[in-house]
Amino acid sequence: MNYYLNHFEIPKDVLWQYLAKKDLDPKNEITDSEWIEFIDDSKYSFCDEVSEIAREYFAQWRNIEKLEVKKWIYHIQLLFQIN
């Protein structure tokens, strides 16, 4: 199943972030022209930064998963006195 957001199809197996002006400028402190300028100036570096954050989150998640497996194996070993 895919999700739809404002006519954009978003596959269910991807991470995504959609930020509109209202999300970052809720008090409407900049003009729409300034917002477009911000997008044009920032879109590629923003993508790079978000990708790096995603890689870090994934690595942390994998480490937690590995740690949980190691804990589980340790407890099983204790339970059965396996060395």
PDB file of N, CA and C in Angstrom:
ATOM      1  N   MET A   1       0.838  -1.171   0.000  1.00  0.00           N
ATOM      2  CA  MET A   1       0.000   0.000   0.000  1.00  0.00           C
ATOM      3  C   MET A   1       0.890   1.243   0.000  1.00  0.00           C
ATOM      4  N   ASN A   2       0.567   2.178  -0.839  1.00  0.00           N
ATOM      5  CA  ASN A   2       1.286   3.445  -0.888  1.00  0.00           C
ATOM      6  C   ASN A   2       0.406   4.536  -0.302  1.00  0.00           C
ATOM      7  N   TYR A   3       1.031   5.613   0.122  1.00  0.00           N
ATOM      8  CA  TYR A   3       0.313   6.726   0.707  1.00  0.00           C
ATOM      9  C   TYR A   3       0.337   7.892  -0.272  1.00  0.00           C
ATOM     10  N   TYR A   4      -0.673   8.725  -0.200  1.00  0.00           N
ATOM     11  CA  TYR A   4      -0.762   9.859  -1.104  1.00  0.00           C
ATOM     12  C   TYR A   4      -0.814  11.144  -0.290  1.00  0.00           C
ATOM     13  N   LEU A   5      -0.021  12.106  -0.697  1.00  0.00           N
ATOM     14  CA  LEU A   5       0.037  13.388  -0.041  1.00  0.00           C
ATOM     15  C   LEU A   5       0.020  14.466  -1.108  1.00  0.00           C
ATOM     16  N   ASN A   6      -1.062  15.188  -1.176  1.00  0.00           N
ATOM     17  CA  ASN A   6      -1.193  16.257  -2.171  1.00  0.00           C
ATOM     18  C   ASN A   6      -0.821  15.772  -3.566  1.00  0.00           C
ATOM     19  N   HIS A   7      -1.347  14.646  -3.955  1.00  0.00           N
ATOM     20  CA  HIS A   7      -1.165  14.071  -5.283  1.00  0.00           C
ATOM     21  C   HIS A   7       0.208  13.440  -5.507  1.00  0.00           C
ATOM     22  N   PHE A   8       1.035  13.369  -4.473  1.00  0.00           N
ATOM     23  CA  PHE A   8       2.320  12.700  -4.592  1.00  0.00           C
ATOM     24  C   PHE A   8       2.178  11.307  -3.999  1.00  0.00           C
ATOM     25  N   GLU A   9       2.601  10.321  -4.747  1.00  0.00           N
ATOM     26  CA  GLU A   9       2.560   8.967  -4.237  1.00  0.00           C
ATOM     27  C   GLU A   9       3.820   8.715  -3.416  1.00  0.00           C
ATOM     28  N   ILE A  10       3.624   8.257  -2.191  1.00  0.00           N
ATOM     29  CA  ILE A  10       4.745   7.982  -1.295  1.00  0.00           C
ATOM     30  C   ILE A  10       4.742   6.489  -1.004  1.00  0.00           C
ATOM     31  N   PRO A  11       5.739   5.762  -1.507  1.00  0.00           N
ATOM     32  CA  PRO A  11       5.791   4.324  -1.228  1.00  0.00           C
ATOM     33  C   PRO A  11       5.886   4.069   0.272  1.00  0.00           C
ATOM     34  N   LYS A  12       5.307   2.969   0.718  1.00  0.00           N
ATOM     35  CA  LYS A  12       5.282   2.678   2.150  1.00  0.00           C
ATOM     36  C   LYS A  12       6.644   2.248   2.686  1.00  0.00           C
ATOM     37  N   ASP A  13       7.579   1.928   1.816  1.00  0.00           N
ATOM     38  CA  ASP A  13       8.877   1.425   2.266  1.00  0.00           C
ATOM     39  C   ASP A  13       9.985   2.467   2.179  1.00  0.00           C
ATOM     40  N   VAL A  14       9.640   3.739   2.374  1.00  0.00           N
ATOM     41  CA  VAL A  14      10.635   4.808   2.340  1.00  0.00           C
ATOM     42  C   VAL A  14      10.436   5.733   3.539  1.00  0.00           C
ATOM     43  N   LEU A  15      11.515   6.381   3.947  1.00  0.00           N
ATOM     44  CA  LEU A  15      11.408   7.475   4.907  1.00  0.00           C
ATOM     45  C   LEU A  15      11.232   8.753   4.103  1.00  0.00           C
ATOM     46  N   TRP A  16      10.420   9.643   4.597  1.00  0.00           N
ATOM     47  CA  TRP A  16      10.227  10.901   3.886  1.00  0.00           C
ATOM     48  C   TRP A  16       9.880  11.992   4.874  1.00  0.00           C
ATOM     49  N   GLN A  17      10.140  13.207   4.474  1.00  0.00           N
ATOM     50  CA  GLN A  17       9.782  14.367   5.279  1.00  0.00           C
ATOM     51  C   GLN A  17       9.285  15.451   4.339  1.00  0.00           C
ATOM     52  N   TYR A  18       8.150  16.000   4.651  1.00  0.00           N
ATOM     53  CA  TYR A  18       7.514  17.029   3.848  1.00  0.00           C
ATOM     54  C   TYR A  18       7.319  18.238   4.746  1.00  0.00           C
ATOM     55  N   LEU A  19       8.024  19.328   4.463  1.00  0.00           N
ATOM     56  CA  LEU A  19       7.925  20.531   5.278  1.00  0.00           C
ATOM     57  C   LEU A  19       7.445  21.697   4.429  1.00  0.00           C
ATOM     58  N   ALA A  20       6.342  22.249   4.811  1.00  0.00           N
ATOM     59  CA  ALA A  20       5.804  23.422   4.135  1.00  0.00           C
ATOM     60  C   ALA A  20       6.209  24.670   4.912  1.00  0.00           C
ATOM     61  N   LYS A  21       6.006  25.805   4.311  1.00  0.00           N
ATOM     62  CA  LYS A  21       6.330  27.075   4.968  1.00  0.00           C
ATOM     63  C   LYS A  21       5.642  27.170   6.322  1.00  0.00           C
ATOM     64  N   LYS A  22       4.397  26.744   6.395  1.00  0.00           N
ATOM     65  CA  LYS A  22       3.645  26.842   7.654  1.00  0.00           C
ATOM     66  C   LYS A  22       4.269  26.000   8.772  1.00  0.00           C
ATOM     67  N   ASP A  23       5.019  24.956   8.396  1.00  0.00           N
ATOM     68  CA  ASP A  23       5.665  24.113   9.399  1.00  0.00           C
ATOM     69  C   ASP A  23       6.884  24.792  10.021  1.00  0.00           C
ATOM     70  N   LEU A  24       7.618  25.536   9.232  1.00  0.00           N
ATOM     71  CA  LEU A  24       8.844  26.182   9.708  1.00  0.00           C
ATOM     72  C   LEU A  24       8.654  27.663  10.051  1.00  0.00           C
ATOM     73  N   ASP A  25       7.622  28.251   9.506  1.00  0.00           N
ATOM     74  CA  ASP A  25       7.356  29.672   9.746  1.00  0.00           C
ATOM     75  C   ASP A  25       5.894  29.845  10.172  1.00  0.00           C
ATOM     76  N   PRO A  26       5.512  29.262  11.322  1.00  0.00           N
ATOM     77  CA  PRO A  26       4.100  29.298  11.723  1.00  0.00           C
ATOM     78  C   PRO A  26       3.570  30.704  12.002  1.00  0.00           C
ATOM     79  N   LYS A  27       4.460  31.641  12.306  1.00  0.00           N
ATOM     80  CA  LYS A  27       4.024  33.022  12.557  1.00  0.00           C
ATOM     81  C   LYS A  27       4.029  33.860  11.283  1.00  0.00           C
ATOM     82  N   ASN A  28       4.360  33.200  10.160  1.00  0.00           N
ATOM     83  CA  ASN A  28       4.355  33.870   8.863  1.00  0.00           C
ATOM     84  C   ASN A  28       5.242  35.117   8.858  1.00  0.00           C
ATOM     85  N   GLU A  29       6.463  34.927   9.322  1.00  0.00           N
ATOM     86  CA  GLU A  29       7.398  36.049   9.460  1.00  0.00           C
ATOM     87  C   GLU A  29       8.142  36.393   8.174  1.00  0.00           C
ATOM     88  N   ILE A  30       8.136  35.495   7.204  1.00  0.00           N
ATOM     89  CA  ILE A  30       8.788  35.800   5.930  1.00  0.00           C
ATOM     90  C   ILE A  30       7.756  35.736   4.810  1.00  0.00           C
ATOM     91  N   THR A  31       8.088  36.368   3.720  1.00  0.00           N
ATOM     92  CA  THR A  31       7.176  36.381   2.573  1.00  0.00           C
ATOM     93  C   THR A  31       7.281  35.072   1.798  1.00  0.00           C
ATOM     94  N   ASP A  32       6.321  34.838   0.936  1.00  0.00           N
ATOM     95  CA  ASP A  32       6.384  33.654   0.076  1.00  0.00           C
ATOM     96  C   ASP A  32       7.613  33.692  -0.821  1.00  0.00           C
ATOM     97  N   SER A  33       7.992  34.882  -1.267  1.00  0.00           N
ATOM     98  CA  SER A  33       9.201  35.025  -2.092  1.00  0.00           C
ATOM     99  C   SER A  33      10.447  34.649  -1.306  1.00  0.00           C
ATOM    100  N   GLU A  34      10.507  35.071  -0.063  1.00  0.00           N
ATOM    101  CA  GLU A  34      11.640  34.716   0.789  1.00  0.00           C
ATOM    102  C   GLU A  34      11.652  33.209   1.053  1.00  0.00           C
ATOM    103  N   TRP A  35      10.484  32.612   1.210  1.00  0.00           N
ATOM    104  CA  TRP A  35      10.395  31.166   1.406  1.00  0.00           C
ATOM    105  C   TRP A  35      10.956  30.424   0.191  1.00  0.00           C
ATOM    106  N   ILE A  36      10.570  30.859  -0.988  1.00  0.00           N
ATOM    107  CA  ILE A  36      11.074  30.236  -2.223  1.00  0.00           C
ATOM    108  C   ILE A  36      12.588  30.407  -2.310  1.00  0.00           C
ATOM    109  N   GLU A  37      13.079  31.571  -1.931  1.00  0.00           N
ATOM    110  CA  GLU A  37      14.523  31.805  -1.927  1.00  0.00           C
ATOM    111  C   GLU A  37      15.217  30.854  -0.944  1.00  0.00           C
ATOM    112  N   PHE A  38      14.617  30.695   0.247  1.00  0.00           N
ATOM    113  CA  PHE A  38      15.152  29.767   1.236  1.00  0.00           C
ATOM    114  C   PHE A  38      15.197  28.344   0.671  1.00  0.00           C
ATOM    115  N   ILE A  39      14.120  27.922   0.029  1.00  0.00           N
ATOM    116  CA  ILE A  39      14.081  26.579  -0.563  1.00  0.00           C
ATOM    117  C   ILE A  39      15.177  26.430  -1.611  1.00  0.00           C
ATOM    118  N   ASP A  40      15.267  27.408  -2.509  1.00  0.00           N
ATOM    119  CA  ASP A  40      16.286  27.338  -3.566  1.00  0.00           C
ATOM    120  C   ASP A  40      17.702  27.298  -2.992  1.00  0.00           C
ATOM    121  N   ASP A  41      17.939  28.060  -1.923  1.00  0.00           N
ATOM    122  CA  ASP A  41      19.271  28.101  -1.312  1.00  0.00           C
ATOM    123  C   ASP A  41      19.584  26.860  -0.483  1.00  0.00           C
ATOM    124  N   SER A  42      18.567  26.203   0.027  1.00  0.00           N
ATOM    125  CA  SER A  42      18.777  25.154   1.030  1.00  0.00           C
ATOM    126  C   SER A  42      18.461  23.737   0.593  1.00  0.00           C
ATOM    127  N   LYS A  43      17.746  23.545  -0.508  1.00  0.00           N
ATOM    128  CA  LYS A  43      17.192  22.218  -0.793  1.00  0.00           C
ATOM    129  C   LYS A  43      18.245  21.115  -0.921  1.00  0.00           C
ATOM    130  N   TYR A  44      19.374  21.391  -1.518  1.00  0.00           N
ATOM    131  CA  TYR A  44      20.357  20.316  -1.689  1.00  0.00           C
ATOM    132  C   TYR A  44      21.097  20.024  -0.394  1.00  0.00           C
ATOM    133  N   SER A  45      21.490  21.067   0.324  1.00  0.00           N
ATOM    134  CA  SER A  45      22.173  20.827   1.598  1.00  0.00           C
ATOM    135  C   SER A  45      21.213  20.208   2.606  1.00  0.00           C
ATOM    136  N   PHE A  46      19.942  20.592   2.569  1.00  0.00           N
ATOM    137  CA  PHE A  46      18.938  19.993   3.450  1.00  0.00           C
ATOM    138  C   PHE A  46      18.828  18.499   3.176  1.00  0.00           C
ATOM    139  N   CYS A  47      18.765  18.141   1.916  1.00  0.00           N
ATOM    140  CA  CYS A  47      18.692  16.721   1.551  1.00  0.00           C
ATOM    141  C   CYS A  47      19.908  15.963   2.062  1.00  0.00           C
ATOM    142  N   ASP A  48      21.081  16.546   1.899  1.00  0.00           N
ATOM    143  CA  ASP A  48      22.306  15.904   2.382  1.00  0.00           C
ATOM    144  C   ASP A  48      22.272  15.723   3.896  1.00  0.00           C
ATOM    145  N   GLU A  49      21.859  16.759   4.611  1.00  0.00           N
ATOM    146  CA  GLU A  49      21.814  16.696   6.071  1.00  0.00           C
ATOM    147  C   GLU A  49      20.791  15.670   6.554  1.00  0.00           C
ATOM    148  N   VAL A  50      19.621  15.659   5.950  1.00  0.00           N
ATOM    149  CA  VAL A  50      18.590  14.697   6.348  1.00  0.00           C
ATOM    150  C   VAL A  50      19.048  13.275   6.040  1.00  0.00           C
ATOM    151  N   SER A  51      19.725  13.080   4.928  1.00  0.00           N
ATOM    152  CA  SER A  51      20.256  11.759   4.595  1.00  0.00           C
ATOM    153  C   SER A  51      21.270  11.299   5.627  1.00  0.00           C
ATOM    154  N   GLU A  52      22.121  12.211   6.077  1.00  0.00           N
ATOM    155  CA  GLU A  52      23.110  11.869   7.099  1.00  0.00           C
ATOM    156  C   GLU A  52      22.418  11.511   8.417  1.00  0.00           C
ATOM    157  N   ILE A  53      21.418  12.281   8.789  1.00  0.00           N
ATOM    158  CA  ILE A  53      20.663  11.970  10.009  1.00  0.00           C
ATOM    159  C   ILE A  53      20.005  10.599   9.886  1.00  0.00           C
ATOM    160  N   ALA A  54      19.445  10.301   8.729  1.00  0.00           N
ATOM    161  CA  ALA A  54      18.807   8.990   8.516  1.00  0.00           C
ATOM    162  C   ALA A  54      19.823   7.860   8.647  1.00  0.00           C
ATOM    163  N   ARG A  55      21.009   8.053   8.091  1.00  0.00           N
ATOM    164  CA  ARG A  55      22.054   7.027   8.219  1.00  0.00           C
ATOM    165  C   ARG A  55      22.440   6.822   9.686  1.00  0.00           C
ATOM    166  N   GLU A  56      22.537   7.913  10.436  1.00  0.00           N
ATOM    167  CA  GLU A  56      22.866   7.820  11.860  1.00  0.00           C
ATOM    168  C   GLU A  56      21.758   7.106  12.632  1.00  0.00           C
ATOM    169  N   TYR A  57      20.515   7.439  12.370  1.00  0.00           N
ATOM    170  CA  TYR A  57      19.390   6.775  13.032  1.00  0.00           C
ATOM    171  C   TYR A  57      19.394   5.284  12.722  1.00  0.00           C
ATOM    172  N   PHE A  58      19.637   4.954  11.471  1.00  0.00           N
ATOM    173  CA  PHE A  58      19.650   3.545  11.068  1.00  0.00           C
ATOM    174  C   PHE A  58      20.777   2.798  11.782  1.00  0.00           C
ATOM    175  N   ALA A  59      21.961   3.402  11.836  1.00  0.00           N
ATOM    176  CA  ALA A  59      23.094   2.763  12.510  1.00  0.00           C
ATOM    177  C   ALA A  59      22.788   2.571  13.994  1.00  0.00           C
ATOM    178  N   GLN A  60      22.201   3.566  14.634  1.00  0.00           N
ATOM    179  CA  GLN A  60      21.828   3.434  16.044  1.00  0.00           C
ATOM    180  C   GLN A  60      20.790   2.333  16.222  1.00  0.00           C
ATOM    181  N   TRP A  61      19.818   2.284  15.359  1.00  0.00           N
ATOM    182  CA  TRP A  61      18.782   1.252  15.433  1.00  0.00           C
ATOM    183  C   TRP A  61      19.394  -0.133  15.296  1.00  0.00           C
ATOM    184  N   ARG A  62      20.310  -0.279  14.335  1.00  0.00           N
ATOM    185  CA  ARG A  62      20.975  -1.582  14.150  1.00  0.00           C
ATOM    186  C   ARG A  62      21.768  -1.962  15.387  1.00  0.00           C
ATOM    187  N   ASN A  63      22.464  -1.015  15.979  1.00  0.00           N
ATOM    188  CA  ASN A  63      23.233  -1.302  17.190  1.00  0.00           C
ATOM    189  C   ASN A  63      22.325  -1.712  18.341  1.00  0.00           C
ATOM    190  N   ILE A  64      21.195  -1.054  18.464  1.00  0.00           N
ATOM    191  CA  ILE A  64      20.234  -1.424  19.509  1.00  0.00           C
ATOM    192  C   ILE A  64      19.702  -2.826  19.253  1.00  0.00           C
ATOM    193  N   GLU A  65      19.366  -3.117  17.996  1.00  0.00           N
ATOM    194  CA  GLU A  65      18.872  -4.452  17.658  1.00  0.00           C
ATOM    195  C   GLU A  65      19.918  -5.515  17.982  1.00  0.00           C
ATOM    196  N   LYS A  66      21.179  -5.254  17.615  1.00  0.00           N
ATOM    197  CA  LYS A  66      22.256  -6.211  17.898  1.00  0.00           C
ATOM    198  C   LYS A  66      22.436  -6.379  19.402  1.00  0.00           C
ATOM    199  N   LEU A  67      22.368  -5.283  20.136  1.00  0.00           N
ATOM    200  CA  LEU A  67      22.515  -5.345  21.579  1.00  0.00           C
ATOM    201  C   LEU A  67      21.383  -6.162  22.194  1.00  0.00           C
ATOM    202  N   GLU A  68      20.173  -5.966  21.710  1.00  0.00           N
ATOM    203  CA  GLU A  68      19.034  -6.723  22.235  1.00  0.00           C
ATOM    204  C   GLU A  68      19.203  -8.212  21.959  1.00  0.00           C
ATOM    205  N   VAL A  69      19.691  -8.554  20.786  1.00  0.00           N
ATOM    206  CA  VAL A  69      19.924  -9.962  20.454  1.00  0.00           C
ATOM    207  C   VAL A  69      20.998 -10.532  21.376  1.00  0.00           C
ATOM    208  N   LYS A  70      22.070  -9.786  21.583  1.00  0.00           N
ATOM    209  CA  LYS A  70      23.139 -10.253  22.471  1.00  0.00           C
ATOM    210  C   LYS A  70      22.616 -10.463  23.895  1.00  0.00           C
ATOM    211  N   LYS A  71      21.777  -9.540  24.371  1.00  0.00           N
ATOM    212  CA  LYS A  71      21.188  -9.698  25.703  1.00  0.00           C
ATOM    213  C   LYS A  71      20.315 -10.952  25.757  1.00  0.00           C
ATOM    214  N   TRP A  72      19.526 -11.149  24.725  1.00  0.00           N
ATOM    215  CA  TRP A  72      18.638 -12.307  24.664  1.00  0.00           C
ATOM    216  C   TRP A  72      19.456 -13.600  24.678  1.00  0.00           C
ATOM    217  N   ILE A  73      20.511 -13.659  23.879  1.00  0.00           N
ATOM    218  CA  ILE A  73      21.377 -14.846  23.837  1.00  0.00           C
ATOM    219  C   ILE A  73      22.021 -15.063  25.202  1.00  0.00           C
ATOM    220  N   TYR A  74      22.484 -13.990  25.829  1.00  0.00           N
ATOM    221  CA  TYR A  74      23.101 -14.093  27.143  1.00  0.00           C
ATOM    222  C   TYR A  74      22.123 -14.692  28.157  1.00  0.00           C
ATOM    223  N   HIS A  75      20.890 -14.212  28.150  1.00  0.00           N
ATOM    224  CA  HIS A  75      19.894 -14.717  29.088  1.00  0.00           C
ATOM    225  C   HIS A  75      19.537 -16.177  28.810  1.00  0.00           C
ATOM    226  N   ILE A  76      19.476 -16.533  27.563  1.00  0.00           N
ATOM    227  CA  ILE A  76      19.221 -17.934  27.205  1.00  0.00           C
ATOM    228  C   ILE A  76      20.379 -18.805  27.694  1.00  0.00           C
ATOM    229  N   GLN A  77      21.595 -18.319  27.496  1.00  0.00           N
ATOM    230  CA  GLN A  77      22.764 -19.066  27.966  1.00  0.00           C
ATOM    231  C   GLN A  77      22.725 -19.237  29.485  1.00  0.00           C
ATOM    232  N   LEU A  78      22.364 -18.191  30.183  1.00  0.00           N
ATOM    233  CA  LEU A  78      22.250 -18.301  31.639  1.00  0.00           C
ATOM    234  C   LEU A  78      21.162 -19.300  32.029  1.00  0.00           C
ATOM    235  N   LEU A  79      20.070 -19.209  31.328  1.00  0.00           N
ATOM    236  CA  LEU A  79      18.952 -20.094  31.634  1.00  0.00           C
ATOM    237  C   LEU A  79      19.325 -21.551  31.477  1.00  0.00           C
ATOM    238  N   PHE A  80      20.064 -21.857  30.434  1.00  0.00           N
ATOM    239  CA  PHE A  80      20.435 -23.252  30.154  1.00  0.00           C
ATOM    240  C   PHE A  80      21.872 -23.566  30.563  1.00  0.00           C
ATOM    241  N   GLN A  81      22.547 -22.590  31.181  1.00  0.00           N
ATOM    242  CA  GLN A  81      23.924 -22.771  31.609  1.00  0.00           C
ATOM    243  C   GLN A  81      24.808 -23.236  30.458  1.00  0.00           C
ATOM    244  N   ILE A  82      24.662 -22.572  29.318  1.00  0.00           N
ATOM    245  CA  ILE A  82      25.466 -22.890  28.129  1.00  0.00           C
ATOM    246  C   ILE A  82      26.678 -21.973  28.118  1.00  0.00           C
ATOM    247  N   ASN A  83      27.840 -22.540  27.902  1.00  0.00           N
ATOM    248  CA  ASN A  83      29.057 -21.722  27.839  1.00  0.00           C
ATOM    249  C   ASN A  83      29.589 -21.656  26.451  1.00  0.00           C
TER     250      ASN A  83
END
